[in-house]
Protein backbone atom coordinates (compact mmCIF):
# COMPACT_ATOMS: atom_id res chain seq x y z
CA MET A 1 245.16 -52.32 88.54
CA ASP A 2 243.65 -55.22 89.95
CA LYS A 3 240.30 -52.97 90.64
CA SER A 4 240.11 -51.40 87.35
CA LEU A 5 239.82 -54.76 85.37
CA SER A 6 237.47 -56.43 87.78
CA LEU A 7 235.44 -53.25 86.41
CA LEU A 8 236.17 -54.13 82.65
CA GLY A 9 235.19 -57.72 83.71
CA MET A 10 231.89 -56.25 85.28
CA ALA A 11 231.41 -53.97 82.21
CA CYS A 12 231.40 -57.18 80.34
CA ARG A 13 228.72 -59.44 81.99
CA ALA A 14 226.73 -55.72 81.57
CA GLY A 15 226.62 -56.57 77.40
CA LYS A 16 228.99 -52.90 77.76
CA LEU A 17 232.31 -53.64 76.14
CA ALA A 18 233.45 -55.01 72.59
CA LEU A 19 235.68 -57.06 72.93
CA GLY A 20 238.48 -57.52 69.89
CA HIS A 21 239.97 -55.48 67.27
CA ASP A 22 237.23 -55.69 64.80
CA ALA A 23 234.61 -55.68 67.03
CA ALA A 24 235.97 -52.41 68.68
CA LEU A 25 236.65 -50.87 65.25
CA ASP A 26 232.78 -51.36 64.75
CA SER A 27 231.78 -49.98 67.77
CA LEU A 28 233.72 -47.32 66.95
CA LYS A 29 231.82 -46.59 63.85
CA ARG A 30 228.53 -47.04 64.94
CA GLY A 31 229.42 -44.43 67.68
CA LYS A 32 228.85 -46.34 70.32
CA SER A 33 232.13 -46.25 72.27
CA SER A 34 233.52 -44.49 75.27
CA LEU A 35 236.37 -45.07 75.83
CA ILE A 36 238.86 -47.38 73.66
CA VAL A 37 241.37 -49.65 75.81
CA ILE A 38 244.90 -51.47 74.49
CA CYS A 39 246.90 -53.90 76.32
CA SER A 40 250.52 -52.84 76.99
CA ASP A 41 252.18 -55.76 74.81
CA SER A 42 249.67 -54.60 71.80
CA SER A 43 252.22 -53.22 68.93
CA GLN A 44 251.77 -49.00 68.26
CA ARG A 45 250.98 -49.28 64.72
CA LEU A 46 247.46 -50.51 66.76
CA VAL A 47 247.35 -47.27 68.95
CA ARG A 48 248.16 -45.79 65.67
CA GLU A 49 245.39 -47.42 64.16
CA PHE A 50 242.59 -46.79 66.49
CA ALA A 51 243.75 -42.66 67.19
CA ARG A 52 243.34 -41.90 63.20
CA SER A 53 239.93 -44.41 63.71
CA VAL A 54 238.65 -41.69 66.00
CA ASP A 55 239.89 -38.55 64.19
CA PHE A 56 238.10 -40.18 61.33
CA TYR A 57 235.08 -41.50 62.63
CA LYS A 58 234.54 -37.65 64.68
CA SER A 59 234.56 -39.86 68.00
CA GLU A 60 235.05 -38.67 71.31
CA ALA A 61 236.43 -41.50 72.53
CA PRO A 62 240.09 -41.50 74.16
CA VAL A 63 242.37 -44.57 73.12
CA GLU A 64 244.03 -45.56 76.74
CA LYS A 65 246.81 -47.80 76.71
CA ILE A 66 247.16 -49.70 79.80
CA SER A 67 250.00 -51.11 82.07
CA ALA A 68 248.17 -54.79 81.59
CA THR A 69 249.34 -57.25 79.26
CA GLN A 70 246.74 -59.47 77.10
CA GLU A 71 246.76 -62.10 79.62
CA GLN A 72 246.18 -59.45 82.56
CA LEU A 73 243.10 -58.42 81.23
CA SER A 74 241.59 -61.64 79.55
CA ALA A 75 242.00 -63.28 83.38
CA HIS A 76 239.07 -60.83 83.44
CA LEU A 77 237.14 -61.68 80.06
CA PRO A 78 235.53 -64.40 78.78
CA LYS A 79 238.74 -64.70 75.63
CA LYS A 80 241.85 -63.49 75.02
CA VAL A 81 241.76 -59.74 73.47
CA GLY A 82 244.44 -56.89 72.96
CA VAL A 83 241.71 -54.04 72.51
CA ILE A 84 238.26 -53.61 74.03
CA SER A 85 235.56 -51.13 73.42
CA VAL A 86 233.90 -49.88 76.66
CA GLU A 87 230.25 -48.71 75.30
CA ASP A 88 229.10 -47.31 78.72
CA GLY A 89 230.08 -43.70 79.67
CA GLY A 90 229.80 -44.58 83.48
CA PHE A 91 231.78 -48.00 83.33
CA ALA A 92 234.44 -45.30 80.87
CA ASP A 93 234.58 -42.99 82.79
CA ARG A 94 234.94 -45.24 86.66
CA PHE A 95 237.12 -47.05 85.03
CA LEU A 96 239.82 -44.13 84.41
CA GLN A 97 239.72 -43.49 87.61
CA LEU A 98 241.03 -46.19 88.97
CA SER A 99 243.59 -46.91 86.38
CA ARG A 100 244.86 -43.77 87.24
CA GLN A 101 244.57 -44.14 91.02
CA GLU A 102 246.58 -47.65 90.49
């Protein structure tokens, strides 16, 4: 999981992440989201909310609940968050590859 989280840190430095609930939802609304990443210790309600939002906004972005906690994810990001939106297709694809390998 460390490689995939490091990749998210790199994507953040490149300005390709929307961090937190409101920013991720806004990214989804604007059609910029390529992937929604939700931490393992986030609620099931949050997962359902984003799944419904993906359907409502007719987005192709998958919603991925990862095994990392908020603490583990936040070690690679500038703030503590439970949900992020990846706004770059390349970063999103690579993250999914790495997370499935780990």
